[in-house]
Every structure is written in C-alpha cells, then in structure tokens.
Amino acid sequence: MKQRRRIWPLGTLIGALAAVLSSCSTYQVPITYAAPSSVIPGPRQVDLGRFVDARDGTGVVLGSIKNELGVPIKKLTTRKPVAELVHNSVGYGLKVRGMLVDKGKGRYLIGGTITEFYAHQLASQESGCTINFQVFRRGEKKPLFAKTYRAQRNRRTPKVTYWSNVDELADVSSAALQDVIDQALDDPALRRVLR
C-alpha cells in the first residue's frame, strides 16, 4: 500500500506565517530628561501645576517598532504614565534653572496638556512631542500665558525590524521631550510673565 504525503493547505501556512509576523512583545523603556550643560537661571517663584495626557487615553503607550510589512513587533511603553513622566521632567527642568520653589509656595504655577508624544520605527527611529504649556498666577483660573511647543527627532539606523533596539528609540524619545521642555522653560515670553 502506497502512503500519501500530507501537504499543508496553503491557508494553514499563511495563517502560521501571519501569527509569527504579527506577534508583538511589550517593552517598558526609560524616558529621561537631562538638563543642558549650561542653563539660564530664572526667577525662583514657580510651582508645578498639573500636566494632562490628552493623547487618546494611551496612558503609558509610547509607540512601536514595525517589521517590513508595517506590522508592530515591539510595543514601547513608559514605566510611569506619560503625564507623571512629563510632570517630573518639567519639575527637574525648573529645579536646575533655579526656578522651582517648595510645593504650595510658588507665586506662579506651570502646567500643561500633552497632545502628542510618540515613538515609531520602521526604516528610521522617529519621535515627536507636543505640549501646550500654561502659566497661572496662584489662585486664578485664567492662564497668564499659554503656548504650544513641538519637537521631532529622527535618527537613521541600520538596525531595523527584529534587530532594532528599543533603548535607542527611547533615547530619541527622551531627546524630543527634552527639546520641548527646554524650548518652553527658556522661552523669553514665558519668562517675562514670571516677573
């Protein structure tokens, strides 16, 4: 009796390939703010207000690294909610500039709305950040100052798809966040309001 070889149906093969290609691992990445080597001190009368994440309820999600077909294979998340991460980074930026006072003692409050903060990689590492900063006089509801700051960073890399490095993409994201915070805290228009 002759045995017949079993051939996998094409649909099963395609399904198995799709499952392998679409598997997505999640990585928690550190996003850090490093103060510039030289800063211009500002008036020491600022307290931190609230930062709100308005990025469609993504919370800790930063973005993804995609394969050649555009399918996410590595999902990047932050270790803390993005609103808390931005709050802490702005606080550190104020502190190194000598502008931050003890909680509850500032004449002014700085807060804002995060409308964009993402990281993606297909052929290059890309990150963007947009925050609307607002300055309030303590006890008042109407802002004295409001302005949106944006930054985008791109880095070419030979490490694509499965060989990509999540920490390198996190560095690009940290740089975009730092650019936005430095633009805001060093903006002469914002500083004029604090006098």
C-alpha atoms as a PDB file:
ATOM      1  CA  MET A   1       0.000   0.000   0.000  1.00  0.00           C
ATOM      2  CA  LYS A   2       1.327   3.354  -1.002  1.00  0.00           C
ATOM      3  CA  GLN A   3       1.331   6.130   1.623  1.00  0.00           C
ATOM      4  CA  ARG A   4       0.253   9.579   0.600  1.00  0.00           C
ATOM      5  CA  ARG A   5       2.243  12.503   1.828  1.00  0.00           C
ATOM      6  CA  ARG A   6       0.267  15.114   3.535  1.00  0.00           C
ATOM      7  CA  ILE A   7       0.746  18.641   2.206  1.00  0.00           C
ATOM      8  CA  TRP A   8      -0.193  21.544   4.405  1.00  0.00           C
ATOM      9  CA  PRO A   9      -3.018  23.549   2.982  1.00  0.00           C
ATOM     10  CA  LEU A  10      -1.916  26.971   1.784  1.00  0.00           C
ATOM     11  CA  GLY A  11      -4.313  28.692   4.189  1.00  0.00           C
ATOM     12  CA  THR A  12      -2.741  26.995   7.210  1.00  0.00           C
ATOM     13  CA  LEU A  13       0.727  28.052   6.088  1.00  0.00           C
ATOM     14  CA  ILE A  14      -0.347  31.649   5.556  1.00  0.00           C
ATOM     15  CA  GLY A  15      -2.079  31.673   8.948  1.00  0.00           C
ATOM     16  CA  ALA A  16       1.017  30.357  10.722  1.00  0.00           C
ATOM     17  CA  LEU A  17       3.218  32.910   8.965  1.00  0.00           C
ATOM     18  CA  ALA A  18       0.830  35.739   9.870  1.00  0.00           C
ATOM     19  CA  ALA A  19       0.844  34.660  13.536  1.00  0.00           C
ATOM     20  CA  VAL A  20       4.652  34.712  13.642  1.00  0.00           C
ATOM     21  CA  LEU A  21       4.892  38.073  11.887  1.00  0.00           C
ATOM     22  CA  SER A  22       2.218  39.729  13.985  1.00  0.00           C
ATOM     23  CA  SER A  23       3.450  38.669  17.422  1.00  0.00           C
ATOM     24  CA  CYS A  24       4.199  41.817  19.357  1.00  0.00           C
ATOM     25  CA  SER A  25       6.264  41.990  22.551  1.00  0.00           C
ATOM     26  CA  THR A  26       5.890  44.866  25.015  1.00  0.00           C
ATOM     27  CA  TYR A  27       8.939  46.671  26.420  1.00  0.00           C
ATOM     28  CA  GLN A  28       8.994  49.225  29.226  1.00  0.00           C
ATOM     29  CA  VAL A  29      11.542  51.881  28.331  1.00  0.00           C
ATOM     30  CA  PRO A  30      13.098  54.664  30.405  1.00  0.00           C
ATOM     31  CA  ILE A  31      12.359  58.203  29.245  1.00  0.00           C
ATOM     32  CA  THR A  32      14.669  60.685  30.924  1.00  0.00           C
ATOM     33  CA  TYR A  33      15.249  64.415  31.000  1.00  0.00           C
ATOM     34  CA  ALA A  34      18.894  65.505  31.149  1.00  0.00           C
ATOM     35  CA  ALA A  35      19.432  69.181  31.791  1.00  0.00           C
ATOM     36  CA  PRO A  36      21.517  71.091  29.242  1.00  0.00           C
ATOM     37  CA  SER A  37      25.151  71.647  30.189  1.00  0.00           C
ATOM     38  CA  SER A  38      24.516  75.363  30.622  1.00  0.00           C
ATOM     39  CA  VAL A  39      21.217  76.848  31.724  1.00  0.00           C
ATOM     40  CA  ILE A  40      19.998  80.406  32.148  1.00  0.00           C
ATOM     41  CA  PRO A  41      18.683  80.806  35.688  1.00  0.00           C
ATOM     42  CA  GLY A  42      15.154  82.135  36.007  1.00  0.00           C
ATOM     43  CA  PRO A  43      13.041  83.719  38.727  1.00  0.00           C
ATOM     44  CA  ARG A  44      12.589  81.435  41.745  1.00  0.00           C
ATOM     45  CA  GLN A  45       8.833  81.651  42.167  1.00  0.00           C
ATOM     46  CA  VAL A  46       7.356  78.769  40.192  1.00  0.00           C
ATOM     47  CA  ASP A  47       5.461  75.729  41.428  1.00  0.00           C
ATOM     48  CA  LEU A  48       4.389  72.750  39.355  1.00  0.00           C
ATOM     49  CA  GLY A  49       0.793  72.550  38.271  1.00  0.00           C
ATOM     50  CA  ARG A  50      -0.935  69.646  36.595  1.00  0.00           C
ATOM     51  CA  PHE A  51       0.024  68.028  33.294  1.00  0.00           C
ATOM     52  CA  VAL A  52      -2.761  66.223  31.449  1.00  0.00           C
ATOM     53  CA  ASP A  53      -2.244  63.473  28.887  1.00  0.00           C
ATOM     54  CA  ALA A  54      -4.694  64.161  26.040  1.00  0.00           C
ATOM     55  CA  ARG A  55      -3.300  61.508  23.672  1.00  0.00           C
ATOM     56  CA  ASP A  56      -6.482  59.469  23.215  1.00  0.00           C
ATOM     57  CA  GLY A  57      -6.200  57.590  26.512  1.00  0.00           C
ATOM     58  CA  THR A  58      -2.916  55.865  25.717  1.00  0.00           C
ATOM     59  CA  GLY A  59      -1.535  56.340  29.273  1.00  0.00           C
ATOM     60  CA  VAL A  60       1.838  54.604  29.156  1.00  0.00           C
ATOM     61  CA  VAL A  61       1.919  53.641  25.464  1.00  0.00           C
ATOM     62  CA  LEU A  62       4.649  55.387  23.501  1.00  0.00           C
ATOM     63  CA  GLY A  63       4.638  53.598  20.147  1.00  0.00           C
ATOM     64  CA  SER A  64       6.058  50.637  18.300  1.00  0.00           C
ATOM     65  CA  ILE A  65       8.763  49.174  16.127  1.00  0.00           C
ATOM     66  CA  LYS A  66       7.383  47.643  12.947  1.00  0.00           C
ATOM     67  CA  ASN A  67       8.580  44.944  10.592  1.00  0.00           C
ATOM     68  CA  GLU A  68       8.994  45.268   6.823  1.00  0.00           C
ATOM     69  CA  LEU A  69       5.252  44.829   6.312  1.00  0.00           C
ATOM     70  CA  GLY A  70       4.389  47.622   8.760  1.00  0.00           C
ATOM     71  CA  VAL A  71       3.175  45.192  11.421  1.00  0.00           C
ATOM     72  CA  PRO A  72       4.091  46.175  15.024  1.00  0.00           C
ATOM     73  CA  ILE A  73       6.569  43.698  16.509  1.00  0.00           C
ATOM     74  CA  LYS A  74       7.796  45.617  19.573  1.00  0.00           C
ATOM     75  CA  LYS A  75       5.475  47.847  21.583  1.00  0.00           C
ATOM     76  CA  LEU A  76       7.090  50.562  23.705  1.00  0.00           C
ATOM     77  CA  THR A  77       5.556  51.713  26.964  1.00  0.00           C
ATOM     78  CA  THR A  78       6.850  54.104  29.601  1.00  0.00           C
ATOM     79  CA  ARG A  79       7.490  52.968  33.177  1.00  0.00           C
ATOM     80  CA  LYS A  80       5.162  55.654  34.559  1.00  0.00           C
ATOM     81  CA  PRO A  81       2.122  57.326  32.991  1.00  0.00           C
ATOM     82  CA  VAL A  82       3.235  59.924  30.449  1.00  0.00           C
ATOM     83  CA  ALA A  83       1.543  62.761  32.380  1.00  0.00           C
ATOM     84  CA  GLU A  84       3.562  61.888  35.509  1.00  0.00           C
ATOM     85  CA  LEU A  85       6.744  61.490  33.475  1.00  0.00           C
ATOM     86  CA  VAL A  86       6.313  64.953  31.889  1.00  0.00           C
ATOM     87  CA  HIS A  87       5.395  66.489  35.273  1.00  0.00           C
ATOM     88  CA  ASN A  88       8.595  65.127  36.850  1.00  0.00           C
ATOM     89  CA  SER A  89      10.746  66.158  33.868  1.00  0.00           C
ATOM     90  CA  VAL A  90       9.411  69.735  33.855  1.00  0.00           C
ATOM     91  CA  GLY A  91       9.962  69.878  37.622  1.00  0.00           C
ATOM     92  CA  TYR A  92      13.577  68.841  37.178  1.00  0.00           C
ATOM     93  CA  GLY A  93      13.994  71.376  34.370  1.00  0.00           C
ATOM     94  CA  LEU A  94      12.682  74.133  36.645  1.00  0.00           C
ATOM     95  CA  LYS A  95      14.888  72.971  39.512  1.00  0.00           C
ATOM     96  CA  VAL A  96      18.156  73.046  37.533  1.00  0.00           C
ATOM     97  CA  ARG A  97      17.281  76.563  36.367  1.00  0.00           C
ATOM     98  CA  GLY A  98      16.730  77.647  39.980  1.00  0.00           C
ATOM     99  CA  MET A  99      13.052  78.450  39.285  1.00  0.00           C
ATOM    100  CA  LEU A 100      11.253  75.800  41.376  1.00  0.00           C
ATOM    101  CA  VAL A 101      10.058  76.594  44.896  1.00  0.00           C
ATOM    102  CA  ASP A 102       8.664  74.268  47.557  1.00  0.00           C
ATOM    103  CA  LYS A 103       5.229  72.841  46.778  1.00  0.00           C
ATOM    104  CA  GLY A 104       2.466  75.301  47.554  1.00  0.00           C
ATOM    105  CA  LYS A 105       4.763  78.318  47.867  1.00  0.00           C
ATOM    106  CA  GLY A 106       5.116  79.457  44.271  1.00  0.00           C
ATOM    107  CA  ARG A 107       3.558  82.662  43.038  1.00  0.00           C
ATOM    108  CA  TYR A 108       3.018  81.002  39.668  1.00  0.00           C
ATOM    109  CA  LEU A 109       2.024  77.520  38.538  1.00  0.00           C
ATOM    110  CA  ILE A 110       3.215  75.875  35.327  1.00  0.00           C
ATOM    111  CA  GLY A 111       1.143  73.061  33.883  1.00  0.00           C
ATOM    112  CA  GLY A 112       0.061  71.854  30.504  1.00  0.00           C
ATOM    113  CA  THR A 113      -1.571  69.426  28.138  1.00  0.00           C
ATOM    114  CA  ILE A 114       0.356  66.700  26.321  1.00  0.00           C
ATOM    115  CA  THR A 115      -1.261  66.385  22.910  1.00  0.00           C
ATOM    116  CA  GLU A 116       1.408  64.261  21.264  1.00  0.00           C
ATOM    117  CA  PHE A 117       4.236  62.037  22.435  1.00  0.00           C
ATOM    118  CA  TYR A 118       5.106  59.063  20.286  1.00  0.00           C
ATOM    119  CA  ALA A 119       7.929  56.821  19.132  1.00  0.00           C
ATOM    120  CA  HIS A 120       7.927  54.745  15.947  1.00  0.00           C
ATOM    121  CA  GLN A 121      10.471  52.852  13.913  1.00  0.00           C
ATOM    122  CA  LEU A 122      10.241  51.282  10.506  1.00  0.00           C
ATOM    123  CA  ALA A 123      13.261  52.379   8.460  1.00  0.00           C
ATOM    124  CA  SER A 124      14.305  55.132  10.887  1.00  0.00           C
ATOM    125  CA  GLN A 125      13.755  55.951  14.544  1.00  0.00           C
ATOM    126  CA  GLU A 126      11.258  58.772  14.934  1.00  0.00           C
ATOM    127  CA  SER A 127       9.758  60.516  17.938  1.00  0.00           C
ATOM    128  CA  GLY A 128       7.627  63.610  18.358  1.00  0.00           C
ATOM    129  CA  CYS A 129       6.351  65.572  21.318  1.00  0.00           C
ATOM    130  CA  THR A 130       3.828  68.425  21.574  1.00  0.00           C
ATOM    131  CA  ILE A 131       2.884  70.074  24.866  1.00  0.00           C
ATOM    132  CA  ASN A 132       0.724  73.138  25.450  1.00  0.00           C
ATOM    133  CA  PHE A 133       2.273  74.908  28.444  1.00  0.00           C
ATOM    134  CA  GLN A 134       0.218  77.236  30.623  1.00  0.00           C
ATOM    135  CA  VAL A 135       1.278  79.634  33.363  1.00  0.00           C
ATOM    136  CA  PHE A 136      -1.229  80.621  36.060  1.00  0.00           C
ATOM    137  CA  ARG A 137      -0.986  83.059  38.924  1.00  0.00           C
ATOM    138  CA  ARG A 138      -1.719  81.062  42.086  1.00  0.00           C
ATOM    139  CA  GLY A 139      -5.434  81.066  42.861  1.00  0.00           C
ATOM    140  CA  GLU A 140      -6.514  82.197  39.393  1.00  0.00           C
ATOM    141  CA  LYS A 141      -8.220  80.040  36.773  1.00  0.00           C
ATOM    142  CA  LYS A 142      -7.385  82.039  33.662  1.00  0.00           C
ATOM    143  CA  PRO A 143      -3.853  81.436  32.330  1.00  0.00           C
ATOM    144  CA  LEU A 144      -1.481  84.393  32.077  1.00  0.00           C
ATOM    145  CA  PHE A 145       0.378  82.607  29.308  1.00  0.00           C
ATOM    146  CA  ALA A 146      -0.315  79.659  27.016  1.00  0.00           C
ATOM    147  CA  LYS A 147       1.834  78.398  24.170  1.00  0.00           C
ATOM    148  CA  THR A 148       2.329  75.114  22.347  1.00  0.00           C
ATOM    149  CA  TYR A 149       5.855  73.755  21.927  1.00  0.00           C
ATOM    150  CA  ARG A 150       6.781  70.977  19.488  1.00  0.00           C
ATOM    151  CA  ALA A 151       9.819  68.887  18.708  1.00  0.00           C
ATOM    152  CA  GLN A 152      10.520  65.991  16.409  1.00  0.00           C
ATOM    153  CA  ARG A 153      13.605  63.809  16.300  1.00  0.00           C
ATOM    154  CA  ASN A 154      14.696  61.350  13.606  1.00  0.00           C
ATOM    155  CA  ARG A 155      17.656  59.006  13.579  1.00  0.00           C
ATOM    156  CA  ARG A 156      18.682  56.661  10.782  1.00  0.00           C
ATOM    157  CA  THR A 157      19.758  53.249  11.945  1.00  0.00           C
ATOM    158  CA  PRO A 158      20.949  50.071  10.266  1.00  0.00           C
ATOM    159  CA  LYS A 159      19.119  48.048  12.955  1.00  0.00           C
ATOM    160  CA  VAL A 160      15.615  47.589  11.618  1.00  0.00           C
ATOM    161  CA  THR A 161      12.674  45.304  12.391  1.00  0.00           C
ATOM    162  CA  TYR A 162      13.630  42.345  14.601  1.00  0.00           C
ATOM    163  CA  TRP A 163      17.184  43.646  15.171  1.00  0.00           C
ATOM    164  CA  SER A 164      16.040  47.080  16.326  1.00  0.00           C
ATOM    165  CA  ASN A 165      16.958  48.327  19.779  1.00  0.00           C
ATOM    166  CA  VAL A 166      14.139  49.645  21.985  1.00  0.00           C
ATOM    167  CA  ASP A 167      16.572  51.599  24.185  1.00  0.00           C
ATOM    168  CA  GLU A 168      17.891  53.529  21.165  1.00  0.00           C
ATOM    169  CA  LEU A 169      14.338  54.513  20.232  1.00  0.00           C
ATOM    170  CA  ALA A 170      13.730  55.529  23.864  1.00  0.00           C
ATOM    171  CA  ASP A 171      16.788  57.829  23.631  1.00  0.00           C
ATOM    172  CA  VAL A 172      15.267  59.515  20.571  1.00  0.00           C
ATOM    173  CA  SER A 173      12.025  59.998  22.529  1.00  0.00           C
ATOM    174  CA  SER A 174      13.890  61.411  25.531  1.00  0.00           C
ATOM    175  CA  ALA A 175      15.600  63.922  23.222  1.00  0.00           C
ATOM    176  CA  ALA A 176      12.240  65.038  21.749  1.00  0.00           C
ATOM    177  CA  LEU A 177      10.775  65.539  25.233  1.00  0.00           C
ATOM    178  CA  GLN A 178      13.881  67.417  26.348  1.00  0.00           C
ATOM    179  CA  ASP A 179      13.689  69.722  23.316  1.00  0.00           C
ATOM    180  CA  VAL A 180      10.093  70.667  24.169  1.00  0.00           C
ATOM    181  CA  ILE A 181      10.818  71.295  27.859  1.00  0.00           C
ATOM    182  CA  ASP A 182      13.934  73.357  27.101  1.00  0.00           C
ATOM    183  CA  GLN A 183      12.066  75.420  24.482  1.00  0.00           C
ATOM    184  CA  ALA A 184       9.324  76.212  26.998  1.00  0.00           C
ATOM    185  CA  LEU A 185      11.417  76.936  30.087  1.00  0.00           C
ATOM    186  CA  ASP A 186      13.931  79.052  28.161  1.00  0.00           C
ATOM    187  CA  ASP A 187      11.305  80.971  26.152  1.00  0.00           C
ATOM    188  CA  PRO A 188      11.728  84.711  26.888  1.00  0.00           C
ATOM    189  CA  ALA A 189       7.955  85.234  26.503  1.00  0.00           C
ATOM    190  CA  LEU A 190       7.208  82.661  29.234  1.00  0.00           C
ATOM    191  CA  ARG A 191       9.877  84.103  31.491  1.00  0.00           C
ATOM    192  CA  ARG A 192       8.549  87.667  31.104  1.00  0.00           C
ATOM    193  CA  VAL A 193       5.243  86.525  32.638  1.00  0.00           C
ATOM    194  CA  LEU A 194       7.077  85.263  35.721  1.00  0.00           C
ATOM    195  CA  ARG A 195       8.442  88.669  36.748  1.00  0.00           C
END
